[in-house]
Amino acid sequence: MNDPHLLLVERCKTGDSMAQFELHRKYRSAMLRVAWRFTKNQFEAEDIVQEAFLKAFRSLNLFEGESTFGAWLKRITINTSINHIKKRRLDLVPLDTSESLESDTATASVFSQTDESIPMPEISVAINQLPAGYRQVLKLYLFEGFDHQEIGDILSISEATSKSQYCRAKRKLRSILQHQFPHYEAA
């Protein structure tokens, strides 16, 4: 794996605090965006990111370079966000999907008829109406780019459950959109 920050990671493994500071500086903003998508609360997102960095730095010996450090840290941040939400028994807050939906090709299979016929804020509202389990799987698959095996690991469900929840989420979302927008034709 070609990771431009591998040297920094190796320095962190030796206890180099300047290397830790540099990795934190490079990834903090991106990880804040990830955590904020789950919490919609800046203070909680900052706490989550701080916790995620602590976990990452404490477990650097487990980082084997099979993925980039950024991908590994993102997964830790997502898991920390989900655990935070579970602890507080909060339901996931909907993403502002306008940016993600416009650029995500995987989303096109779900929203093939929505490009101009349904406003993106309405799609976000429809996603918020999904049951929590459906919504979690849909967001992790479409917006975070995880595959079903990874989603299963993150949510402590089987890969088959992730796939079925994703299919049910798409079906339910189409139904919601058809109800709210009679002109919408599901793909």
N, C-alpha and C. Protein backbone atom coordinates (compact mmCIF):
# COMPACT_ATOMS: atom_id res chain seq x y z
N MET A 1 0.86 -1.17 0.00
CA MET A 1 0.00 0.00 0.00
C MET A 1 0.90 1.23 0.00
N ASN A 2 0.61 2.17 -0.86
CA ASN A 2 1.39 3.39 -0.96
C ASN A 2 0.74 4.47 -0.11
N ASP A 3 1.22 4.63 1.10
CA ASP A 3 0.68 5.60 2.05
C ASP A 3 1.71 6.70 2.26
N PRO A 4 1.37 7.95 1.87
CA PRO A 4 2.36 9.03 2.01
C PRO A 4 2.70 9.36 3.47
N HIS A 5 1.88 8.88 4.40
CA HIS A 5 2.12 9.20 5.80
C HIS A 5 2.69 8.03 6.59
N LEU A 6 3.14 7.02 5.90
CA LEU A 6 3.67 5.83 6.56
C LEU A 6 4.89 6.15 7.43
N LEU A 7 5.74 7.05 6.97
CA LEU A 7 6.91 7.43 7.76
C LEU A 7 6.49 8.09 9.07
N LEU A 8 5.46 8.95 9.00
CA LEU A 8 4.94 9.56 10.23
C LEU A 8 4.38 8.51 11.18
N VAL A 9 3.68 7.54 10.62
CA VAL A 9 3.12 6.46 11.44
C VAL A 9 4.24 5.69 12.13
N GLU A 10 5.28 5.39 11.38
CA GLU A 10 6.41 4.66 11.96
C GLU A 10 7.07 5.47 13.07
N ARG A 11 7.18 6.78 12.88
CA ARG A 11 7.75 7.64 13.92
C ARG A 11 6.84 7.66 15.16
N CYS A 12 5.52 7.65 14.92
CA CYS A 12 4.57 7.62 16.05
C CYS A 12 4.73 6.34 16.86
N LYS A 13 4.99 5.25 16.17
CA LYS A 13 5.16 3.96 16.86
C LYS A 13 6.34 3.99 17.82
N THR A 14 7.30 4.87 17.56
CA THR A 14 8.46 4.98 18.45
C THR A 14 8.23 6.00 19.56
N GLY A 15 7.01 6.59 19.59
CA GLY A 15 6.68 7.54 20.65
C GLY A 15 6.98 8.99 20.29
N ASP A 16 7.23 9.28 19.03
CA ASP A 16 7.54 10.64 18.58
C ASP A 16 6.29 11.52 18.64
N SER A 17 6.23 12.40 19.63
CA SER A 17 5.04 13.23 19.82
C SER A 17 4.87 14.25 18.69
N MET A 18 5.96 14.69 18.08
CA MET A 18 5.85 15.63 16.95
C MET A 18 5.19 14.94 15.75
N ALA A 19 5.49 13.68 15.55
CA ALA A 19 4.85 12.92 14.46
C ALA A 19 3.36 12.74 14.76
N GLN A 20 3.02 12.49 16.02
CA GLN A 20 1.61 12.38 16.40
C GLN A 20 0.89 13.70 16.14
N PHE A 21 1.51 14.80 16.52
CA PHE A 21 0.94 16.12 16.29
C PHE A 21 0.72 16.35 14.79
N GLU A 22 1.68 15.96 13.98
CA GLU A 22 1.58 16.16 12.53
C GLU A 22 0.45 15.31 11.93
N LEU A 23 0.33 14.06 12.34
CA LEU A 23 -0.79 13.22 11.86
C LEU A 23 -2.13 13.80 12.30
N HIS A 24 -2.18 14.26 13.53
CA HIS A 24 -3.41 14.87 14.04
C HIS A 24 -3.77 16.09 13.19
N ARG A 25 -2.79 16.91 12.88
CA ARG A 25 -3.02 18.11 12.07
C ARG A 25 -3.52 17.75 10.67
N LYS A 26 -2.96 16.71 10.09
CA LYS A 26 -3.31 16.32 8.73
C LYS A 26 -4.72 15.72 8.63
N TYR A 27 -5.16 15.01 9.66
CA TYR A 27 -6.42 14.26 9.57
C TYR A 27 -7.56 14.80 10.41
N ARG A 28 -7.32 15.76 11.28
CA ARG A 28 -8.34 16.23 12.21
C ARG A 28 -9.59 16.73 11.48
N SER A 29 -9.45 17.58 10.50
CA SER A 29 -10.61 18.16 9.81
C SER A 29 -11.45 17.08 9.14
N ALA A 30 -10.80 16.16 8.46
CA ALA A 30 -11.54 15.09 7.77
C ALA A 30 -12.29 14.22 8.76
N MET A 31 -11.66 13.91 9.90
CA MET A 31 -12.32 13.07 10.89
C MET A 31 -13.45 13.82 11.60
N LEU A 32 -13.31 15.13 11.75
CA LEU A 32 -14.39 15.93 12.31
C LEU A 32 -15.63 15.87 11.41
N ARG A 33 -15.41 15.93 10.10
CA ARG A 33 -16.55 15.83 9.17
C ARG A 33 -17.24 14.47 9.30
N VAL A 34 -16.45 13.42 9.44
CA VAL A 34 -17.02 12.08 9.59
C VAL A 34 -17.85 12.00 10.87
N ALA A 35 -17.30 12.43 11.98
CA ALA A 35 -18.01 12.35 13.26
C ALA A 35 -19.23 13.27 13.26
N TRP A 36 -19.11 14.43 12.64
CA TRP A 36 -20.22 15.37 12.61
C TRP A 36 -21.40 14.80 11.83
N ARG A 37 -21.13 14.02 10.80
CA ARG A 37 -22.21 13.40 10.03
C ARG A 37 -23.08 12.51 10.91
N PHE A 38 -22.48 11.92 11.92
CA PHE A 38 -23.23 11.05 12.81
C PHE A 38 -23.93 11.82 13.92
N THR A 39 -23.31 12.87 14.42
CA THR A 39 -23.85 13.55 15.60
C THR A 39 -24.58 14.85 15.30
N LYS A 40 -24.18 15.51 14.23
CA LYS A 40 -24.70 16.85 13.91
C LYS A 40 -24.47 17.81 15.08
N ASN A 41 -23.43 17.56 15.85
CA ASN A 41 -23.11 18.39 17.01
C ASN A 41 -21.60 18.57 17.04
N GLN A 42 -21.16 19.80 16.90
CA GLN A 42 -19.73 20.09 16.81
C GLN A 42 -18.96 19.63 18.05
N PHE A 43 -19.52 19.88 19.23
CA PHE A 43 -18.82 19.51 20.47
C PHE A 43 -18.69 17.99 20.60
N GLU A 44 -19.76 17.27 20.31
CA GLU A 44 -19.69 15.81 20.37
C GLU A 44 -18.72 15.28 19.32
N ALA A 45 -18.75 15.87 18.13
CA ALA A 45 -17.84 15.44 17.06
C ALA A 45 -16.39 15.64 17.49
N GLU A 46 -16.10 16.76 18.11
CA GLU A 46 -14.73 17.01 18.59
C GLU A 46 -14.32 15.99 19.64
N ASP A 47 -15.22 15.66 20.56
CA ASP A 47 -14.92 14.64 21.57
C ASP A 47 -14.66 13.29 20.92
N ILE A 48 -15.48 12.94 19.95
CA ILE A 48 -15.34 11.66 19.25
C ILE A 48 -14.00 11.60 18.53
N VAL A 49 -13.64 12.67 17.84
CA VAL A 49 -12.38 12.70 17.11
C VAL A 49 -11.19 12.58 18.07
N GLN A 50 -11.27 13.28 19.18
CA GLN A 50 -10.19 13.17 20.17
C GLN A 50 -10.06 11.73 20.66
N GLU A 51 -11.21 11.11 20.96
CA GLU A 51 -11.19 9.72 21.40
C GLU A 51 -10.66 8.78 20.32
N ALA A 52 -11.05 9.05 19.08
CA ALA A 52 -10.59 8.21 17.96
C ALA A 52 -9.08 8.31 17.78
N PHE A 53 -8.54 9.52 17.89
CA PHE A 53 -7.08 9.67 17.79
C PHE A 53 -6.37 8.96 18.94
N LEU A 54 -6.92 9.07 20.14
CA LEU A 54 -6.31 8.37 21.27
C LEU A 54 -6.30 6.86 21.03
N LYS A 55 -7.44 6.34 20.56
CA LYS A 55 -7.51 4.90 20.26
C LYS A 55 -6.49 4.53 19.19
N ALA A 56 -6.41 5.36 18.15
CA ALA A 56 -5.49 5.06 17.05
C ALA A 56 -4.04 5.06 17.53
N PHE A 57 -3.66 6.08 18.28
CA PHE A 57 -2.27 6.16 18.74
C PHE A 57 -1.93 5.05 19.73
N ARG A 58 -2.91 4.64 20.53
CA ARG A 58 -2.67 3.54 21.47
C ARG A 58 -2.58 2.19 20.76
N SER A 59 -3.21 2.09 19.58
CA SER A 59 -3.24 0.81 18.86
C SER A 59 -2.41 0.81 17.59
N LEU A 60 -1.47 1.72 17.49
CA LEU A 60 -0.66 1.78 16.27
C LEU A 60 0.07 0.48 15.97
N ASN A 61 0.35 -0.29 17.00
CA ASN A 61 1.01 -1.57 16.77
C ASN A 61 0.11 -2.53 15.97
N LEU A 62 -1.21 -2.27 15.96
CA LEU A 62 -2.14 -3.10 15.18
C LEU A 62 -2.24 -2.64 13.73
N PHE A 63 -1.78 -1.44 13.43
CA PHE A 63 -1.81 -0.92 12.06
C PHE A 63 -0.70 -1.58 11.27
N GLU A 64 -1.11 -2.36 10.27
CA GLU A 64 -0.13 -3.13 9.49
C GLU A 64 0.09 -2.57 8.10
N GLY A 65 -0.57 -1.48 7.77
CA GLY A 65 -0.36 -0.87 6.46
C GLY A 65 -1.11 -1.54 5.33
N GLU A 66 -2.10 -2.37 5.65
CA GLU A 66 -2.90 -3.01 4.60
C GLU A 66 -3.81 -1.99 3.91
N SER A 67 -4.11 -0.91 4.60
CA SER A 67 -4.83 0.22 4.03
C SER A 67 -4.03 1.46 4.39
N THR A 68 -4.48 2.61 3.92
CA THR A 68 -3.78 3.83 4.32
C THR A 68 -4.11 4.14 5.77
N PHE A 69 -3.27 4.94 6.39
CA PHE A 69 -3.53 5.34 7.77
C PHE A 69 -4.85 6.09 7.83
N GLY A 70 -5.13 6.92 6.83
CA GLY A 70 -6.37 7.70 6.81
C GLY A 70 -7.60 6.81 6.79
N ALA A 71 -7.57 5.75 5.99
CA ALA A 71 -8.71 4.82 5.93
C ALA A 71 -8.87 4.10 7.27
N TRP A 72 -7.76 3.71 7.86
CA TRP A 72 -7.79 3.03 9.16
C TRP A 72 -8.34 3.96 10.24
N LEU A 73 -7.90 5.20 10.24
CA LEU A 73 -8.37 6.18 11.22
C LEU A 73 -9.84 6.50 11.00
N LYS A 74 -10.27 6.56 9.75
CA LYS A 74 -11.68 6.83 9.45
C LYS A 74 -12.56 5.72 10.02
N ARG A 75 -12.12 4.50 9.88
CA ARG A 75 -12.89 3.38 10.41
C ARG A 75 -12.97 3.47 11.94
N ILE A 76 -11.88 3.83 12.58
CA ILE A 76 -11.89 4.01 14.04
C ILE A 76 -12.85 5.13 14.41
N THR A 77 -12.83 6.22 13.65
CA THR A 77 -13.71 7.36 13.94
C THR A 77 -15.17 6.97 13.76
N ILE A 78 -15.49 6.22 12.74
CA ILE A 78 -16.87 5.78 12.52
C ILE A 78 -17.31 4.85 13.65
N ASN A 79 -16.46 3.90 14.00
CA ASN A 79 -16.81 2.99 15.10
C ASN A 79 -16.99 3.76 16.42
N THR A 80 -16.14 4.73 16.66
CA THR A 80 -16.26 5.55 17.87
C THR A 80 -17.55 6.36 17.85
N SER A 81 -17.90 6.89 16.68
CA SER A 81 -19.16 7.64 16.54
C SER A 81 -20.36 6.76 16.82
N ILE A 82 -20.36 5.58 16.24
CA ILE A 82 -21.49 4.66 16.43
C ILE A 82 -21.58 4.23 17.89
N ASN A 83 -20.45 3.93 18.50
CA ASN A 83 -20.46 3.57 19.92
C ASN A 83 -20.96 4.72 20.79
N HIS A 84 -20.58 5.92 20.45
CA HIS A 84 -21.05 7.10 21.17
C HIS A 84 -22.57 7.20 21.09
N ILE A 85 -23.09 7.00 19.91
CA ILE A 85 -24.54 7.09 19.70
C ILE A 85 -25.25 5.96 20.45
N LYS A 86 -24.70 4.77 20.39
CA LYS A 86 -25.31 3.64 21.11
C LYS A 86 -25.33 3.90 22.61
N LYS A 87 -24.24 4.45 23.14
CA LYS A 87 -24.16 4.72 24.57
C LYS A 87 -25.24 5.70 25.01
N ARG A 88 -25.49 6.65 24.21
CA ARG A 88 -26.48 7.67 24.57
C ARG A 88 -27.88 7.33 24.09
N ARG A 89 -28.01 6.18 23.43
CA ARG A 89 -29.29 5.72 22.92
C ARG A 89 -29.96 6.77 22.04
N LEU A 90 -29.09 7.44 21.27
CA LEU A 90 -29.59 8.43 20.33
C LEU A 90 -29.81 7.77 18.98
N ASP A 91 -30.73 8.28 18.25
CA ASP A 91 -30.94 7.83 16.88
C ASP A 91 -30.02 8.64 15.99
N LEU A 92 -29.52 8.03 14.91
CA LEU A 92 -28.66 8.77 14.00
C LEU A 92 -29.40 9.95 13.41
N VAL A 93 -28.74 11.07 13.34
CA VAL A 93 -29.28 12.28 12.74
C VAL A 93 -29.02 12.21 11.24
N PRO A 94 -29.98 12.65 10.40
CA PRO A 94 -29.77 12.52 8.96
C PRO A 94 -28.60 13.37 8.47
N LEU A 95 -27.95 12.85 7.46
CA LEU A 95 -26.89 13.61 6.82
C LEU A 95 -27.47 14.71 5.97
N ASP A 96 -26.72 15.75 5.76
CA ASP A 96 -27.06 16.69 4.71
C ASP A 96 -26.56 16.03 3.44
N THR A 97 -27.46 15.39 2.71
CA THR A 97 -27.07 14.53 1.61
C THR A 97 -26.86 15.25 0.31
N SER A 98 -27.11 16.52 0.22
CA SER A 98 -27.06 17.19 -1.07
C SER A 98 -25.71 17.02 -1.75
N GLU A 99 -24.61 17.20 -1.03
CA GLU A 99 -23.30 17.08 -1.65
C GLU A 99 -22.99 15.63 -1.99
N SER A 100 -23.27 14.72 -1.07
CA SER A 100 -22.95 13.32 -1.28
C SER A 100 -23.75 12.71 -2.42
N LEU A 101 -25.04 13.02 -2.49
CA LEU A 101 -25.88 12.41 -3.50
C LEU A 101 -25.53 12.86 -4.90
N GLU A 102 -25.08 14.09 -5.05
CA GLU A 102 -24.76 14.58 -6.37
C GLU A 102 -23.52 13.92 -6.94
N SER A 103 -22.59 13.51 -6.09
CA SER A 103 -21.33 13.00 -6.58
C SER A 103 -21.17 11.50 -6.44
N ASP A 104 -22.03 10.83 -5.76
CA ASP A 104 -21.88 9.41 -5.46
C ASP A 104 -22.54 8.56 -6.54
N THR A 105 -21.73 7.82 -7.30
CA THR A 105 -22.29 7.01 -8.36
C THR A 105 -23.08 5.83 -7.82
N ALA A 106 -22.71 5.32 -6.65
CA ALA A 106 -23.47 4.22 -6.05
C ALA A 106 -24.89 4.67 -5.72
N THR A 107 -25.03 5.92 -5.38
CA THR A 107 -26.34 6.44 -5.03
C THR A 107 -27.26 6.48 -6.24
N ALA A 108 -26.69 6.58 -7.41
CA ALA A 108 -27.52 6.66 -8.62
C ALA A 108 -28.43 5.45 -8.76
N SER A 109 -27.98 4.29 -8.30
CA SER A 109 -28.84 3.10 -8.40
C SER A 109 -30.06 3.20 -7.50
N VAL A 110 -29.96 3.97 -6.42
CA VAL A 110 -31.09 4.15 -5.52
C VAL A 110 -31.98 5.30 -5.98
N PHE A 111 -31.34 6.34 -6.47
CA PHE A 111 -32.07 7.57 -6.80
C PHE A 111 -32.02 7.87 -8.30
N SER A 112 -32.15 6.88 -9.14
CA SER A 112 -31.95 7.10 -10.56
C SER A 112 -32.90 8.11 -11.16
N GLN A 113 -34.06 8.27 -10.61
CA GLN A 113 -35.02 9.22 -11.18
C GLN A 113 -35.06 10.53 -10.41
N THR A 114 -34.16 10.72 -9.46
CA THR A 114 -34.27 11.88 -8.58
C THR A 114 -33.38 13.02 -8.95
N ASP A 115 -32.55 12.85 -9.98
CA ASP A 115 -31.53 13.85 -10.21
C ASP A 115 -32.08 15.27 -10.27
N GLU A 116 -33.22 15.48 -10.91
CA GLU A 116 -33.79 16.82 -10.93
C GLU A 116 -35.25 16.83 -10.51
N SER A 117 -35.86 15.67 -10.41
CA SER A 117 -37.28 15.64 -10.12
C SER A 117 -37.60 15.76 -8.64
N ILE A 118 -36.67 15.41 -7.76
CA ILE A 118 -36.90 15.52 -6.32
C ILE A 118 -35.73 16.30 -5.73
N PRO A 119 -36.03 17.38 -5.03
CA PRO A 119 -34.96 18.17 -4.42
C PRO A 119 -34.17 17.35 -3.39
N MET A 120 -32.88 17.57 -3.34
CA MET A 120 -32.02 16.83 -2.43
C MET A 120 -32.43 16.97 -0.96
N PRO A 121 -32.86 18.15 -0.51
CA PRO A 121 -33.31 18.22 0.90
C PRO A 121 -34.48 17.29 1.18
N GLU A 122 -35.34 17.07 0.19
CA GLU A 122 -36.47 16.16 0.37
C GLU A 122 -35.99 14.72 0.50
N ILE A 123 -34.94 14.38 -0.23
CA ILE A 123 -34.37 13.03 -0.11
C ILE A 123 -33.80 12.85 1.29
N SER A 124 -33.14 13.88 1.81
CA SER A 124 -32.60 13.83 3.16
C SER A 124 -33.72 13.60 4.18
N VAL A 125 -34.83 14.29 4.00
CA VAL A 125 -35.98 14.11 4.89
C VAL A 125 -36.50 12.68 4.78
N ALA A 126 -36.57 12.16 3.56
CA ALA A 126 -37.05 10.79 3.36
C ALA A 126 -36.12 9.78 4.02
N ILE A 127 -34.81 10.00 3.93
CA ILE A 127 -33.85 9.10 4.57
C ILE A 127 -34.05 9.12 6.08
N ASN A 128 -34.37 10.30 6.63
CA ASN A 128 -34.60 10.42 8.07
C ASN A 128 -35.82 9.63 8.51
N GLN A 129 -36.74 9.34 7.61
CA GLN A 129 -37.95 8.59 7.95
C GLN A 129 -37.72 7.09 7.99
N LEU A 130 -36.57 6.64 7.53
CA LEU A 130 -36.26 5.22 7.56
C LEU A 130 -36.03 4.76 9.00
N PRO A 131 -36.36 3.49 9.28
CA PRO A 131 -36.01 2.95 10.61
C PRO A 131 -34.49 3.05 10.83
N ALA A 132 -34.09 3.18 12.07
CA ALA A 132 -32.69 3.43 12.42
C ALA A 132 -31.72 2.42 11.79
N GLY A 133 -32.04 1.14 11.87
CA GLY A 133 -31.15 0.12 11.30
C GLY A 133 -30.98 0.27 9.81
N TYR A 134 -32.07 0.53 9.10
CA TYR A 134 -32.01 0.74 7.66
C TYR A 134 -31.15 1.96 7.35
N ARG A 135 -31.39 3.02 8.10
CA ARG A 135 -30.70 4.29 7.87
C ARG A 135 -29.19 4.14 8.11
N GLN A 136 -28.82 3.43 9.17
CA GLN A 136 -27.40 3.24 9.47
C GLN A 136 -26.71 2.50 8.33
N VAL A 137 -27.29 1.41 7.88
CA VAL A 137 -26.68 0.62 6.81
C VAL A 137 -26.62 1.42 5.52
N LEU A 138 -27.70 2.11 5.18
CA LEU A 138 -27.74 2.92 3.96
C LEU A 138 -26.64 3.98 3.98
N LYS A 139 -26.49 4.68 5.08
CA LYS A 139 -25.48 5.74 5.19
C LYS A 139 -24.07 5.17 5.12
N LEU A 140 -23.82 4.10 5.85
CA LEU A 140 -22.48 3.52 5.83
C LEU A 140 -22.12 2.99 4.45
N TYR A 141 -23.08 2.42 3.74
CA TYR A 141 -22.81 1.87 2.42
C TYR A 141 -22.67 2.97 1.37
N LEU A 142 -23.65 3.86 1.29
CA LEU A 142 -23.66 4.87 0.24
C LEU A 142 -22.72 6.04 0.51
N PHE A 143 -22.73 6.55 1.72
CA PHE A 143 -22.04 7.80 1.98
C PHE A 143 -20.64 7.60 2.53
N GLU A 144 -20.40 6.49 3.23
CA GLU A 144 -19.07 6.25 3.79
C GLU A 144 -18.28 5.23 2.97
N GLY A 145 -18.95 4.52 2.06
CA GLY A 145 -18.25 3.62 1.15
C GLY A 145 -17.84 2.28 1.73
N PHE A 146 -18.43 1.86 2.83
CA PHE A 146 -18.10 0.56 3.39
C PHE A 146 -18.84 -0.54 2.64
N ASP A 147 -18.22 -1.73 2.56
CA ASP A 147 -18.94 -2.86 1.98
C ASP A 147 -19.73 -3.55 3.09
N HIS A 148 -20.54 -4.54 2.71
CA HIS A 148 -21.45 -5.15 3.68
C HIS A 148 -20.72 -5.92 4.78
N GLN A 149 -19.58 -6.50 4.46
CA GLN A 149 -18.82 -7.19 5.51
C GLN A 149 -18.32 -6.18 6.54
N GLU A 150 -17.81 -5.04 6.07
CA GLU A 150 -17.33 -4.01 7.00
C GLU A 150 -18.48 -3.44 7.83
N ILE A 151 -19.63 -3.23 7.18
CA ILE A 151 -20.79 -2.71 7.91
C ILE A 151 -21.20 -3.70 8.98
N GLY A 152 -21.18 -4.99 8.64
CA GLY A 152 -21.50 -6.02 9.62
C GLY A 152 -20.58 -5.95 10.83
N ASP A 153 -19.29 -5.75 10.57
CA ASP A 153 -18.32 -5.64 11.67
C ASP A 153 -18.59 -4.40 12.51
N ILE A 154 -18.86 -3.28 11.85
CA ILE A 154 -19.09 -2.02 12.56
C ILE A 154 -20.33 -2.09 13.44
N LEU A 155 -21.42 -2.64 12.88
CA LEU A 155 -22.70 -2.65 13.59
C LEU A 155 -22.96 -3.94 14.37
N SER A 156 -22.01 -4.86 14.34
CA SER A 156 -22.15 -6.16 15.02
C SER A 156 -23.36 -6.93 14.50
N ILE A 157 -23.47 -6.97 13.17
CA ILE A 157 -24.51 -7.76 12.51
C ILE A 157 -23.82 -8.60 11.44
N SER A 158 -24.54 -9.56 10.89
CA SER A 158 -23.93 -10.39 9.85
C SER A 158 -23.91 -9.63 8.53
N GLU A 159 -23.06 -10.09 7.64
CA GLU A 159 -23.00 -9.50 6.30
C GLU A 159 -24.35 -9.65 5.60
N ALA A 160 -25.00 -10.79 5.77
CA ALA A 160 -26.31 -11.03 5.16
C ALA A 160 -27.36 -10.06 5.71
N THR A 161 -27.30 -9.77 7.00
CA THR A 161 -28.23 -8.81 7.59
C THR A 161 -27.99 -7.42 7.01
N SER A 162 -26.73 -7.05 6.84
CA SER A 162 -26.41 -5.76 6.24
C SER A 162 -26.99 -5.66 4.83
N LYS A 163 -26.81 -6.71 4.04
CA LYS A 163 -27.34 -6.71 2.67
C LYS A 163 -28.86 -6.62 2.66
N SER A 164 -29.51 -7.39 3.52
CA SER A 164 -30.98 -7.36 3.53
C SER A 164 -31.49 -6.02 4.04
N GLN A 165 -30.82 -5.44 5.05
CA GLN A 165 -31.25 -4.13 5.54
C GLN A 165 -31.06 -3.06 4.47
N TYR A 166 -29.99 -3.16 3.71
CA TYR A 166 -29.74 -2.21 2.63
C TYR A 166 -30.84 -2.33 1.56
N CYS A 167 -31.17 -3.56 1.16
CA CYS A 167 -32.23 -3.76 0.17
C CYS A 167 -33.57 -3.24 0.69
N ARG A 168 -33.86 -3.53 1.93
CA ARG A 168 -35.12 -3.05 2.53
C ARG A 168 -35.12 -1.52 2.65
N ALA A 169 -33.97 -0.95 2.97
CA ALA A 169 -33.87 0.51 3.07
C ALA A 169 -34.15 1.15 1.72
N LYS A 170 -33.57 0.59 0.65
CA LYS A 170 -33.83 1.13 -0.69
C LYS A 170 -35.31 1.03 -1.04
N ARG A 171 -35.90 -0.13 -0.76
CA ARG A 171 -37.32 -0.33 -1.06
C ARG A 171 -38.19 0.65 -0.28
N LYS A 172 -37.91 0.80 1.00
CA LYS A 172 -38.68 1.70 1.86
C LYS A 172 -38.49 3.15 1.42
N LEU A 173 -37.26 3.51 1.07
CA LEU A 173 -36.99 4.87 0.63
C LEU A 173 -37.73 5.18 -0.67
N ARG A 174 -37.73 4.23 -1.59
CA ARG A 174 -38.50 4.42 -2.84
C ARG A 174 -39.98 4.60 -2.53
N SER A 175 -40.49 3.81 -1.61
CA SER A 175 -41.90 3.92 -1.24
C SER A 175 -42.21 5.30 -0.65
N ILE A 176 -41.35 5.76 0.23
CA ILE A 176 -41.54 7.09 0.83
C ILE A 176 -41.53 8.16 -0.25
N LEU A 177 -40.56 8.07 -1.16
CA LEU A 177 -40.45 9.07 -2.22
C LEU A 177 -41.64 9.02 -3.18
N GLN A 178 -42.11 7.81 -3.48
CA GLN A 178 -43.29 7.68 -4.36
C GLN A 178 -44.53 8.26 -3.70
N HIS A 179 -44.64 8.09 -2.40
CA HIS A 179 -45.79 8.62 -1.67
C HIS A 179 -45.74 10.16 -1.64
N GLN A 180 -44.56 10.72 -1.39
CA GLN A 180 -44.42 12.16 -1.28
C GLN A 180 -44.37 12.85 -2.65
N PHE A 181 -43.88 12.13 -3.64
CA PHE A 181 -43.72 12.68 -5.00
C PHE A 181 -44.32 11.68 -5.98
N PRO A 182 -45.61 11.76 -6.23
CA PRO A 182 -46.27 10.78 -7.10
C PRO A 182 -45.64 10.64 -8.48
N HIS A 183 -44.96 11.67 -8.97
CA HIS A 183 -44.33 11.60 -10.28
C HIS A 183 -43.02 10.81 -10.26
N TYR A 184 -42.53 10.48 -9.06
CA TYR A 184 -41.29 9.73 -8.94
C TYR A 184 -41.51 8.31 -9.38
N GLU A 185 -40.64 7.83 -10.27
CA GLU A 185 -40.71 6.44 -10.74
C GLU A 185 -39.46 5.72 -10.27
N ALA A 186 -39.65 4.69 -9.49
CA ALA A 186 -38.52 3.92 -8.99
C ALA A 186 -37.84 3.17 -10.13
N ALA A 187 -36.54 3.04 -10.01
CA ALA A 187 -35.77 2.33 -11.04
C ALA A 187 -36.06 0.85 -11.00
